[in-house]
């Protein structure tokens, strides 16, 4: 693609893709600025994107926690590693984490109360 070679170039001094970092930073600033002026149903795009990101981020945490809780103590995961909380505390913290994330999901999908 056009411009990808310039973005992929790694700075020998910093050992990072400086052009890609600056390009991303500038595009993010432009997006945040413009997103304040675009709205859907009275909610600006920036708020929608942030809430969506929050929901999917917490979902990405919830899935392995639930799967770990279900697999713990079975043939797939019979014995915990060298550092562990024990079965009872592990499952308690899993449940508390999932409940906390469910509360976050519920709050994030509520309509805004700007009126």
C-alpha atoms as a PDB file:
ATOM      1  CA  UNK A   1       0.000   0.000   0.000  1.00  0.00           C
ATOM      2  CA  UNK A   2       0.973   3.601  -0.572  1.00  0.00           C
ATOM      3  CA  UNK A   3       3.055   5.019   2.278  1.00  0.00           C
ATOM      4  CA  UNK A   4       3.435   1.737   4.139  1.00  0.00           C
ATOM      5  CA  UNK A   5       7.188   1.638   3.588  1.00  0.00           C
ATOM      6  CA  UNK A   6       7.566   5.010   5.292  1.00  0.00           C
ATOM      7  CA  UNK A   7       5.375   3.927   8.197  1.00  0.00           C
ATOM      8  CA  UNK A   8       7.169   0.601   8.590  1.00  0.00           C
ATOM      9  CA  UNK A   9      10.630   2.173   8.768  1.00  0.00           C
ATOM     10  CA  UNK A  10      12.221   1.712  12.190  1.00  0.00           C
ATOM     11  CA  UNK A  11      14.370   4.533  13.548  1.00  0.00           C
ATOM     12  CA  UNK A  12      17.930   3.324  14.208  1.00  0.00           C
ATOM     13  CA  UNK A  13      18.324   5.775  17.093  1.00  0.00           C
ATOM     14  CA  UNK A  14      15.078   4.927  18.922  1.00  0.00           C
ATOM     15  CA  UNK A  15      14.472   1.429  17.508  1.00  0.00           C
ATOM     16  CA  UNK A  16      10.789   2.262  17.070  1.00  0.00           C
ATOM     17  CA  UNK A  17       8.607   3.086  14.050  1.00  0.00           C
ATOM     18  CA  UNK A  18       8.660   6.847  14.669  1.00  0.00           C
ATOM     19  CA  UNK A  19       6.712   7.748  11.505  1.00  0.00           C
ATOM     20  CA  UNK A  20       3.947   5.281  12.379  1.00  0.00           C
ATOM     21  CA  UNK A  21       3.728   6.576  15.951  1.00  0.00           C
ATOM     22  CA  UNK A  22       3.448  10.217  14.859  1.00  0.00           C
ATOM     23  CA  UNK A  23       0.944   9.348  12.130  1.00  0.00           C
ATOM     24  CA  UNK A  24      -1.239   7.454  14.610  1.00  0.00           C
ATOM     25  CA  UNK A  25      -1.036  10.286  17.152  1.00  0.00           C
ATOM     26  CA  UNK A  26      -2.033  12.923  14.590  1.00  0.00           C
ATOM     27  CA  UNK A  27      -4.901  10.802  13.236  1.00  0.00           C
ATOM     28  CA  UNK A  28      -6.174  10.199  16.779  1.00  0.00           C
ATOM     29  CA  UNK A  29      -6.153  13.921  17.556  1.00  0.00           C
ATOM     30  CA  UNK A  30      -8.046  14.647  14.335  1.00  0.00           C
ATOM     31  CA  UNK A  31     -10.557  11.876  15.108  1.00  0.00           C
ATOM     32  CA  UNK A  32     -11.233  13.102  18.654  1.00  0.00           C
ATOM     33  CA  UNK A  33     -11.660  16.673  17.408  1.00  0.00           C
ATOM     34  CA  UNK A  34     -14.034  15.723  14.584  1.00  0.00           C
ATOM     35  CA  UNK A  35     -15.950  13.137  16.633  1.00  0.00           C
ATOM     36  CA  UNK A  36     -17.250  15.866  18.921  1.00  0.00           C
ATOM     37  CA  UNK A  37     -19.253  17.326  16.030  1.00  0.00           C
ATOM     38  CA  UNK A  38     -20.807  14.094  14.725  1.00  0.00           C
ATOM     39  CA  UNK A  39     -23.632  12.534  16.703  1.00  0.00           C
ATOM     40  CA  UNK A  40     -26.086   9.670  16.417  1.00  0.00           C
ATOM     41  CA  UNK A  41     -29.333  10.071  18.300  1.00  0.00           C
ATOM     42  CA  UNK A  42     -27.944  12.938  20.352  1.00  0.00           C
ATOM     43  CA  UNK A  43     -24.829  11.041  21.458  1.00  0.00           C
ATOM     44  CA  UNK A  44     -21.523  12.046  19.916  1.00  0.00           C
ATOM     45  CA  UNK A  45     -19.479   9.435  18.091  1.00  0.00           C
ATOM     46  CA  UNK A  46     -16.600   9.676  20.569  1.00  0.00           C
ATOM     47  CA  UNK A  47     -18.836   8.574  23.448  1.00  0.00           C
ATOM     48  CA  UNK A  48     -20.223   5.700  21.394  1.00  0.00           C
ATOM     49  CA  UNK A  49     -16.738   4.478  20.447  1.00  0.00           C
ATOM     50  CA  UNK A  50     -15.439   4.742  24.031  1.00  0.00           C
ATOM     51  CA  UNK A  51     -18.427   2.840  25.446  1.00  0.00           C
ATOM     52  CA  UNK A  52     -18.160   0.169  22.754  1.00  0.00           C
ATOM     53  CA  UNK A  53     -14.450  -0.214  23.428  1.00  0.00           C
ATOM     54  CA  UNK A  54     -15.126  -0.566  27.152  1.00  0.00           C
ATOM     55  CA  UNK A  55     -17.766  -3.248  26.606  1.00  0.00           C
ATOM     56  CA  UNK A  56     -15.583  -5.305  24.270  1.00  0.00           C
ATOM     57  CA  UNK A  57     -12.504  -4.883  26.476  1.00  0.00           C
ATOM     58  CA  UNK A  58     -14.352  -6.186  29.525  1.00  0.00           C
ATOM     59  CA  UNK A  59     -15.880  -8.965  27.420  1.00  0.00           C
ATOM     60  CA  UNK A  60     -12.356 -10.019  26.435  1.00  0.00           C
ATOM     61  CA  UNK A  61     -11.540 -10.283  30.163  1.00  0.00           C
ATOM     62  CA  UNK A  62     -14.773 -12.074  31.072  1.00  0.00           C
ATOM     63  CA  UNK A  63     -14.496 -14.921  28.569  1.00  0.00           C
ATOM     64  CA  UNK A  64     -11.197 -16.409  29.861  1.00  0.00           C
ATOM     65  CA  UNK A  65     -12.288 -15.909  33.484  1.00  0.00           C
ATOM     66  CA  UNK A  66     -15.508 -17.872  32.924  1.00  0.00           C
ATOM     67  CA  UNK A  67     -13.725 -20.556  30.903  1.00  0.00           C
ATOM     68  CA  UNK A  68     -11.022 -20.841  33.573  1.00  0.00           C
ATOM     69  CA  UNK A  69     -13.644 -21.181  36.280  1.00  0.00           C
ATOM     70  CA  UNK A  70     -15.378 -23.948  34.320  1.00  0.00           C
ATOM     71  CA  UNK A  71     -12.124 -25.762  33.492  1.00  0.00           C
ATOM     72  CA  UNK A  72     -10.576 -25.534  36.980  1.00  0.00           C
ATOM     73  CA  UNK A  73     -10.538 -28.920  38.717  1.00  0.00           C
ATOM     74  CA  UNK A  74     -11.463 -30.885  35.581  1.00  0.00           C
ATOM     75  CA  UNK A  75      -9.311 -33.144  33.429  1.00  0.00           C
ATOM     76  CA  UNK A  76      -8.348 -30.123  31.313  1.00  0.00           C
ATOM     77  CA  UNK A  77      -6.997 -28.229  34.330  1.00  0.00           C
ATOM     78  CA  UNK A  78      -6.647 -30.734  37.183  1.00  0.00           C
ATOM     79  CA  UNK A  79      -3.963 -28.985  39.199  1.00  0.00           C
ATOM     80  CA  UNK A  80      -3.186 -25.269  39.559  1.00  0.00           C
ATOM     81  CA  UNK A  81       0.269 -23.826  39.044  1.00  0.00           C
ATOM     82  CA  UNK A  82       2.816 -23.162  41.797  1.00  0.00           C
ATOM     83  CA  UNK A  83       1.149 -19.907  42.864  1.00  0.00           C
ATOM     84  CA  UNK A  84      -2.570 -20.250  43.399  1.00  0.00           C
ATOM     85  CA  UNK A  85      -5.436 -19.172  45.607  1.00  0.00           C
ATOM     86  CA  UNK A  86      -6.926 -22.607  46.027  1.00  0.00           C
ATOM     87  CA  UNK A  87     -10.163 -23.747  44.440  1.00  0.00           C
ATOM     88  CA  UNK A  88     -12.578 -21.904  46.719  1.00  0.00           C
ATOM     89  CA  UNK A  89     -10.981 -18.464  46.572  1.00  0.00           C
ATOM     90  CA  UNK A  90     -10.279 -18.817  42.860  1.00  0.00           C
ATOM     91  CA  UNK A  91     -13.930 -19.505  42.063  1.00  0.00           C
ATOM     92  CA  UNK A  92     -15.098 -16.778  44.465  1.00  0.00           C
ATOM     93  CA  UNK A  93     -12.894 -14.181  42.767  1.00  0.00           C
ATOM     94  CA  UNK A  94     -14.027 -15.426  39.348  1.00  0.00           C
ATOM     95  CA  UNK A  95     -17.661 -14.943  40.318  1.00  0.00           C
ATOM     96  CA  UNK A  96     -16.997 -11.503  41.836  1.00  0.00           C
ATOM     97  CA  UNK A  97     -15.104 -10.459  38.698  1.00  0.00           C
ATOM     98  CA  UNK A  98     -17.880 -11.606  36.389  1.00  0.00           C
ATOM     99  CA  UNK A  99     -20.525  -9.846  38.517  1.00  0.00           C
ATOM    100  CA  UNK A 100     -18.459  -6.640  38.459  1.00  0.00           C
ATOM    101  CA  UNK A 101     -18.072  -6.859  34.704  1.00  0.00           C
ATOM    102  CA  UNK A 102     -21.815  -7.509  34.299  1.00  0.00           C
ATOM    103  CA  UNK A 103     -22.468  -4.284  36.215  1.00  0.00           C
ATOM    104  CA  UNK A 104     -20.071  -2.439  33.895  1.00  0.00           C
ATOM    105  CA  UNK A 105     -21.854  -3.940  30.854  1.00  0.00           C
ATOM    106  CA  UNK A 106     -25.222  -2.834  32.216  1.00  0.00           C
ATOM    107  CA  UNK A 107     -24.034   0.712  32.886  1.00  0.00           C
ATOM    108  CA  UNK A 108     -22.322   0.999  29.500  1.00  0.00           C
ATOM    109  CA  UNK A 109     -25.398   0.045  27.478  1.00  0.00           C
ATOM    110  CA  UNK A 110     -27.767   2.448  29.240  1.00  0.00           C
ATOM    111  CA  UNK A 111     -28.953   5.444  27.242  1.00  0.00           C
ATOM    112  CA  UNK A 112     -27.369   8.758  28.192  1.00  0.00           C
ATOM    113  CA  UNK A 113     -29.297  10.977  30.585  1.00  0.00           C
ATOM    114  CA  UNK A 114     -28.257  14.349  29.201  1.00  0.00           C
ATOM    115  CA  UNK A 115     -31.709  15.921  29.534  1.00  0.00           C
END
